[in-house]
Structures are given as C-alpha cells and as structure tokens.
C-alpha cells in the first residue's frame, strides 16, 4: 500500500520522496480509520522533516477530523 511508503521514506530520511505519495492518495479511499490516521500522522511527520510545520500541523489536525485540506 502506498500509505506505508510515506512512513518508510520518512524513516529513511527522504522526506521529499515520502511526500510524493500523499498526493496520489485519496483519504476517503482508505478503508479503515486506523489506516487513515496512519496516513495523516506519517504525512505530518514527513512534512515536519521537510521543513514545513504548517502542513505538518494541518495533517495532525486532520487525524481528528478524518479529512485533509
């Protein structure tokens, strides 16, 4: 699954590649709340490592709402 690529590349120190994956994923198509939360948290971590705290914050907040804006 592409959502796991986000965390993998972030852990390997390649936030740029990690951030290529969220753009291809529709959050509404992720089947379970747990996977949706993982997507949001991993994306937020990638944005933080990439040096964009506002985007990281937006993704962390989206975990609660279930949407990414």
N, C-alpha and C. Protein backbone atom coordinates (compact mmCIF):
# COMPACT_ATOMS: atom_id res chain seq x y z
N UNK A 1 0.84 -1.19 0.00
CA UNK A 1 0.00 0.00 0.00
C UNK A 1 0.88 1.25 0.00
N UNK A 2 0.44 2.23 -0.73
CA UNK A 2 1.20 3.47 -0.84
C UNK A 2 1.29 4.21 0.49
N UNK A 3 0.30 4.03 1.37
CA UNK A 3 0.35 4.78 2.63
C UNK A 3 1.56 4.38 3.47
N UNK A 4 2.02 3.16 3.33
CA UNK A 4 3.18 2.73 4.11
C UNK A 4 4.48 3.29 3.54
N UNK A 5 4.49 3.68 2.28
CA UNK A 5 5.67 4.27 1.67
C UNK A 5 6.01 5.62 2.30
N UNK A 6 5.00 6.32 2.78
CA UNK A 6 5.22 7.63 3.41
C UNK A 6 6.11 7.46 4.65
N UNK A 7 5.71 6.58 5.54
CA UNK A 7 6.48 6.34 6.77
C UNK A 7 7.84 5.74 6.49
N UNK A 8 7.90 4.84 5.52
CA UNK A 8 9.16 4.20 5.17
C UNK A 8 10.19 5.21 4.69
N UNK A 9 9.81 6.05 3.73
CA UNK A 9 10.76 7.02 3.21
C UNK A 9 11.11 8.09 4.24
N UNK A 10 10.15 8.45 5.09
CA UNK A 10 10.44 9.41 6.15
C UNK A 10 11.47 8.82 7.11
N UNK A 11 11.28 7.56 7.49
CA UNK A 11 12.22 6.90 8.41
C UNK A 11 13.61 6.79 7.79
N UNK A 12 13.67 6.64 6.48
CA UNK A 12 14.96 6.54 5.80
C UNK A 12 15.60 7.90 5.54
N UNK A 13 14.89 8.97 5.93
CA UNK A 13 15.45 10.31 5.80
C UNK A 13 15.19 10.98 4.47
N UNK A 14 14.25 10.48 3.69
CA UNK A 14 13.93 11.04 2.38
C UNK A 14 12.51 11.58 2.38
N UNK A 15 12.34 12.72 3.05
CA UNK A 15 11.01 13.30 3.19
C UNK A 15 10.44 13.74 1.84
N UNK A 16 11.28 14.17 0.93
CA UNK A 16 10.81 14.57 -0.40
C UNK A 16 10.11 13.44 -1.12
N UNK A 17 10.72 12.27 -1.12
CA UNK A 17 10.09 11.10 -1.75
C UNK A 17 8.86 10.68 -0.97
N UNK A 18 8.93 10.76 0.35
CA UNK A 18 7.77 10.40 1.18
C UNK A 18 6.57 11.26 0.81
N UNK A 19 6.80 12.54 0.51
CA UNK A 19 5.70 13.46 0.22
C UNK A 19 5.16 13.31 -1.20
N UNK A 20 5.81 12.52 -2.03
CA UNK A 20 5.24 12.21 -3.34
C UNK A 20 4.02 11.32 -3.21
N UNK A 21 3.98 10.51 -2.19
CA UNK A 21 2.91 9.52 -2.03
C UNK A 21 1.57 10.10 -1.58
N UNK A 22 1.51 11.02 -0.61
CA UNK A 22 0.20 11.53 -0.20
C UNK A 22 -0.57 12.20 -1.33
N UNK A 23 0.14 12.77 -2.27
CA UNK A 23 -0.54 13.45 -3.37
C UNK A 23 -1.33 12.48 -4.24
N UNK A 24 -0.96 11.22 -4.20
CA UNK A 24 -1.61 10.19 -5.03
C UNK A 24 -2.73 9.46 -4.30
N UNK A 25 -2.93 9.77 -3.02
CA UNK A 25 -3.87 9.01 -2.20
C UNK A 25 -5.06 9.88 -1.83
N UNK A 26 -6.25 9.34 -2.04
CA UNK A 26 -7.48 10.00 -1.60
C UNK A 26 -7.83 9.43 -0.23
N UNK A 27 -7.82 10.27 0.78
CA UNK A 27 -8.08 9.83 2.15
C UNK A 27 -9.41 9.09 2.27
N UNK A 28 -10.39 9.51 1.48
CA UNK A 28 -11.70 8.85 1.53
C UNK A 28 -11.65 7.42 1.02
N UNK A 29 -10.61 7.09 0.25
CA UNK A 29 -10.49 5.73 -0.27
C UNK A 29 -9.74 4.79 0.66
N UNK A 30 -9.22 5.30 1.76
CA UNK A 30 -8.52 4.45 2.73
C UNK A 30 -9.58 3.78 3.59
N UNK A 31 -9.58 2.45 3.65
CA UNK A 31 -10.73 1.73 4.20
C UNK A 31 -10.99 1.83 5.70
N UNK A 32 -9.98 1.95 6.53
CA UNK A 32 -10.23 1.92 7.97
C UNK A 32 -9.75 3.21 8.64
N UNK A 33 -10.37 3.57 9.76
CA UNK A 33 -9.92 4.76 10.49
C UNK A 33 -8.46 4.65 10.94
N UNK A 34 -8.02 3.45 11.28
CA UNK A 34 -6.63 3.27 11.71
C UNK A 34 -5.67 3.60 10.57
N UNK A 35 -5.98 3.12 9.38
CA UNK A 35 -5.12 3.41 8.23
C UNK A 35 -5.17 4.89 7.85
N UNK A 36 -6.35 5.50 7.99
CA UNK A 36 -6.47 6.93 7.72
C UNK A 36 -5.61 7.73 8.70
N UNK A 37 -5.66 7.34 9.97
CA UNK A 37 -4.85 8.02 10.98
C UNK A 37 -3.36 7.84 10.69
N UNK A 38 -2.97 6.64 10.32
CA UNK A 38 -1.56 6.39 9.98
C UNK A 38 -1.12 7.27 8.82
N UNK A 39 -1.96 7.36 7.80
CA UNK A 39 -1.67 8.21 6.65
C UNK A 39 -1.44 9.66 7.10
N UNK A 40 -2.34 10.17 7.93
CA UNK A 40 -2.23 11.56 8.38
C UNK A 40 -1.00 11.79 9.24
N UNK A 41 -0.74 10.90 10.17
CA UNK A 41 0.41 11.05 11.06
C UNK A 41 1.73 10.91 10.29
N UNK A 42 1.81 9.91 9.43
CA UNK A 42 3.03 9.74 8.64
C UNK A 42 3.26 10.92 7.70
N UNK A 43 2.19 11.44 7.12
CA UNK A 43 2.32 12.62 6.26
C UNK A 43 2.78 13.83 7.06
N UNK A 44 2.23 13.99 8.26
CA UNK A 44 2.64 15.11 9.11
C UNK A 44 4.12 15.00 9.47
N UNK A 45 4.57 13.82 9.79
CA UNK A 45 5.99 13.64 10.12
C UNK A 45 6.88 13.97 8.92
N UNK A 46 6.44 13.56 7.74
CA UNK A 46 7.21 13.86 6.53
C UNK A 46 7.27 15.36 6.29
N UNK A 47 6.14 16.04 6.45
CA UNK A 47 6.14 17.50 6.28
C UNK A 47 7.05 18.18 7.30
N UNK A 48 7.04 17.69 8.53
CA UNK A 48 7.91 18.27 9.55
C UNK A 48 9.37 18.10 9.17
N UNK A 49 9.74 16.92 8.74
CA UNK A 49 11.13 16.67 8.33
C UNK A 49 11.50 17.48 7.09
N UNK A 50 10.52 17.74 6.24
CA UNK A 50 10.75 18.50 5.02
C UNK A 50 10.91 19.99 5.33
N UNK A 51 10.53 20.38 6.55
CA UNK A 51 10.68 21.78 6.96
C UNK A 51 9.45 22.63 6.74
N UNK A 52 8.27 22.01 6.77
CA UNK A 52 7.04 22.75 6.57
C UNK A 52 6.08 22.48 7.74
N UNK A 53 6.33 23.14 8.90
CA UNK A 53 5.48 22.91 10.07
C UNK A 53 3.99 23.21 9.87
N UNK A 54 3.60 24.24 9.08
CA UNK A 54 2.16 24.45 8.91
C UNK A 54 1.45 23.25 8.25
N UNK A 55 2.09 22.66 7.26
CA UNK A 55 1.49 21.47 6.62
C UNK A 55 1.47 20.29 7.58
N UNK A 56 2.52 20.17 8.38
CA UNK A 56 2.56 19.10 9.38
C UNK A 56 1.41 19.26 10.36
N UNK A 57 1.21 20.46 10.83
CA UNK A 57 0.13 20.74 11.78
C UNK A 57 -1.23 20.44 11.16
N UNK A 58 -1.42 20.83 9.91
CA UNK A 58 -2.68 20.58 9.22
C UNK A 58 -2.98 19.08 9.16
N UNK A 59 -1.96 18.27 8.87
CA UNK A 59 -2.16 16.83 8.79
C UNK A 59 -2.43 16.22 10.17
N UNK A 60 -1.75 16.71 11.21
CA UNK A 60 -2.03 16.20 12.55
C UNK A 60 -3.47 16.51 12.96
N UNK A 61 -3.92 17.73 12.66
CA UNK A 61 -5.31 18.09 12.99
C UNK A 61 -6.31 17.25 12.20
N UNK A 62 -5.95 16.86 11.01
CA UNK A 62 -6.87 16.10 10.17
C UNK A 62 -7.14 14.70 10.70
N UNK A 63 -6.25 14.20 11.55
CA UNK A 63 -6.48 12.88 12.14
C UNK A 63 -7.80 12.89 12.89
N UNK A 64 -8.06 13.95 13.58
CA UNK A 64 -9.29 14.05 14.36
C UNK A 64 -10.51 14.24 13.49
N UNK A 65 -10.36 15.04 12.45
CA UNK A 65 -11.50 15.32 11.57
C UNK A 65 -11.75 14.22 10.55
N UNK A 66 -10.70 13.51 10.19
CA UNK A 66 -10.82 12.49 9.15
C UNK A 66 -10.74 13.04 7.75
N UNK A 67 -10.23 14.28 7.63
CA UNK A 67 -10.07 14.89 6.32
C UNK A 67 -8.77 15.65 6.27
N UNK A 68 -8.20 15.76 5.09
CA UNK A 68 -7.02 16.59 4.88
C UNK A 68 -7.41 17.69 3.92
N UNK A 69 -7.12 18.93 4.31
CA UNK A 69 -7.45 20.07 3.43
C UNK A 69 -6.20 20.60 2.79
